[in-house]
Amino acid sequence: MENVYACLLGNWVCLNDDPECVIGDHRVNPNQWYEENAEIYAPLKREQEHTYYQLDYVHIFYRNKDYRINPIFIQIVSE
């Protein structure tokens, strides 16, 4: 089994601990997101250079809050 961890507001949390947690545009649970290619927003061609809005990110809904984080702040831990 894989556990999906994310650094949200400076704290590492296990996304699997929240049964309501969903990730990505398809809004699937953390395990399904990881097993189905771990999709992130990462455009091949940027509309503008040097802007925060075009950075790679993952959308996460965790404990009734929406987060948009860079994928480097996600870790997968296998048991």
C-alpha atoms as a PDB file:
ATOM      1  CA  MET A   1       0.000   0.000   0.000  1.00  0.00           C
ATOM      2  CA  GLU A   2       1.192   3.521  -0.802  1.00  0.00           C
ATOM      3  CA  ASN A   3       0.692   6.546   1.411  1.00  0.00           C
ATOM      4  CA  VAL A   4       0.683   9.929  -0.269  1.00  0.00           C
ATOM      5  CA  TYR A   5       2.221  12.728   1.788  1.00  0.00           C
ATOM      6  CA  ALA A   6       2.157  16.426   0.971  1.00  0.00           C
ATOM      7  CA  CYS A   7       3.717  19.475   2.556  1.00  0.00           C
ATOM      8  CA  LEU A   8       0.751  21.768   3.152  1.00  0.00           C
ATOM      9  CA  LEU A   9       1.531  25.156   4.691  1.00  0.00           C
ATOM     10  CA  GLY A  10       4.856  23.842   5.974  1.00  0.00           C
ATOM     11  CA  ASN A  11       3.500  20.654   7.581  1.00  0.00           C
ATOM     12  CA  TRP A  12       3.857  17.168   6.114  1.00  0.00           C
ATOM     13  CA  VAL A  13       0.512  15.358   6.240  1.00  0.00           C
ATOM     14  CA  CYS A  14      -0.659  11.948   5.035  1.00  0.00           C
ATOM     15  CA  LEU A  15      -3.381  12.651   2.496  1.00  0.00           C
ATOM     16  CA  ASN A  16      -4.721   9.115   2.938  1.00  0.00           C
ATOM     17  CA  ASP A  17      -5.799  10.036   6.495  1.00  0.00           C
ATOM     18  CA  ASP A  18      -8.631  12.238   5.174  1.00  0.00           C
ATOM     19  CA  PRO A  19     -11.388  10.118   3.558  1.00  0.00           C
ATOM     20  CA  GLU A  20     -12.666  13.254   1.769  1.00  0.00           C
ATOM     21  CA  CYS A  21      -9.267  14.095   0.236  1.00  0.00           C
ATOM     22  CA  VAL A  22      -9.162  14.308  -3.563  1.00  0.00           C
ATOM     23  CA  ILE A  23      -6.363  15.226  -5.955  1.00  0.00           C
ATOM     24  CA  GLY A  24      -6.126  16.578  -9.484  1.00  0.00           C
ATOM     25  CA  ASP A  25      -8.589  17.711 -12.121  1.00  0.00           C
ATOM     26  CA  HIS A  26     -10.445  14.397 -11.909  1.00  0.00           C
ATOM     27  CA  ARG A  27     -10.747  14.765  -8.120  1.00  0.00           C
ATOM     28  CA  VAL A  28      -9.821  11.200  -7.168  1.00  0.00           C
ATOM     29  CA  ASN A  29      -8.563   9.830  -3.849  1.00  0.00           C
ATOM     30  CA  PRO A  30      -4.786   9.874  -3.209  1.00  0.00           C
ATOM     31  CA  ASN A  31      -4.198   6.176  -3.976  1.00  0.00           C
ATOM     32  CA  GLN A  32      -6.156   6.287  -7.220  1.00  0.00           C
ATOM     33  CA  TRP A  33      -4.337   9.479  -8.265  1.00  0.00           C
ATOM     34  CA  TYR A  34      -0.966   7.808  -7.711  1.00  0.00           C
ATOM     35  CA  GLU A  35      -1.929   4.519  -9.359  1.00  0.00           C
ATOM     36  CA  GLU A  36      -3.375   6.265 -12.427  1.00  0.00           C
ATOM     37  CA  ASN A  37      -0.243   8.153 -13.487  1.00  0.00           C
ATOM     38  CA  ALA A  38      -0.164  10.883 -10.780  1.00  0.00           C
ATOM     39  CA  GLU A  39      -1.356  13.620 -13.131  1.00  0.00           C
ATOM     40  CA  ILE A  40      -0.108  17.167 -12.552  1.00  0.00           C
ATOM     41  CA  TYR A  41      -0.616  20.474 -14.331  1.00  0.00           C
ATOM     42  CA  ALA A  42       2.559  20.983 -16.363  1.00  0.00           C
ATOM     43  CA  PRO A  43       2.077  22.721 -19.729  1.00  0.00           C
ATOM     44  CA  LEU A  44       4.643  21.990 -22.429  1.00  0.00           C
ATOM     45  CA  LYS A  45       4.279  25.494 -23.798  1.00  0.00           C
ATOM     46  CA  ARG A  46       3.815  28.390 -21.401  1.00  0.00           C
ATOM     47  CA  GLU A  47       1.502  31.239 -22.368  1.00  0.00           C
ATOM     48  CA  GLN A  48       3.733  33.676 -20.479  1.00  0.00           C
ATOM     49  CA  GLU A  49       7.229  33.462 -19.113  1.00  0.00           C
ATOM     50  CA  HIS A  50       8.232  34.282 -15.555  1.00  0.00           C
ATOM     51  CA  THR A  51       4.797  34.027 -13.978  1.00  0.00           C
ATOM     52  CA  TYR A  52       3.561  32.096 -10.974  1.00  0.00           C
ATOM     53  CA  TYR A  53       0.409  31.075 -12.838  1.00  0.00           C
ATOM     54  CA  GLN A  54       2.273  28.871 -15.304  1.00  0.00           C
ATOM     55  CA  LEU A  55       4.269  26.832 -12.752  1.00  0.00           C
ATOM     56  CA  ASP A  56       3.677  23.098 -12.436  1.00  0.00           C
ATOM     57  CA  TYR A  57       1.172  22.250  -9.700  1.00  0.00           C
ATOM     58  CA  VAL A  58      -1.148  19.693  -8.174  1.00  0.00           C
ATOM     59  CA  HIS A  59      -4.593  20.638  -6.908  1.00  0.00           C
ATOM     60  CA  ILE A  60      -5.429  18.990  -3.547  1.00  0.00           C
ATOM     61  CA  PHE A  61      -8.622  19.160  -1.504  1.00  0.00           C
ATOM     62  CA  TYR A  62      -7.658  18.167   2.073  1.00  0.00           C
ATOM     63  CA  ARG A  63      -9.609  18.658   5.300  1.00  0.00           C
ATOM     64  CA  ASN A  64     -12.133  20.989   3.650  1.00  0.00           C
ATOM     65  CA  LYS A  65      -9.492  23.289   2.131  1.00  0.00           C
ATOM     66  CA  ASP A  66      -8.198  23.626  -1.411  1.00  0.00           C
ATOM     67  CA  TYR A  67      -4.443  23.678  -1.995  1.00  0.00           C
ATOM     68  CA  ARG A  68      -2.392  24.253  -5.115  1.00  0.00           C
ATOM     69  CA  ILE A  69       1.137  22.980  -4.547  1.00  0.00           C
ATOM     70  CA  ASN A  70       4.234  22.262  -6.565  1.00  0.00           C
ATOM     71  CA  PRO A  71       4.673  18.502  -7.150  1.00  0.00           C
ATOM     72  CA  ILE A  72       8.055  18.550  -5.387  1.00  0.00           C
ATOM     73  CA  PHE A  73       6.089  18.811  -2.143  1.00  0.00           C
ATOM     74  CA  ILE A  74       4.550  15.352  -2.587  1.00  0.00           C
ATOM     75  CA  GLN A  75       6.152  12.115  -1.409  1.00  0.00           C
ATOM     76  CA  ILE A  76       5.004   8.525  -1.785  1.00  0.00           C
ATOM     77  CA  VAL A  77       5.773   6.073   1.025  1.00  0.00           C
ATOM     78  CA  SER A  78       5.306   2.342   0.423  1.00  0.00           C
ATOM     79  CA  GLU A  79       4.583  -0.012   3.283  1.00  0.00           C
END
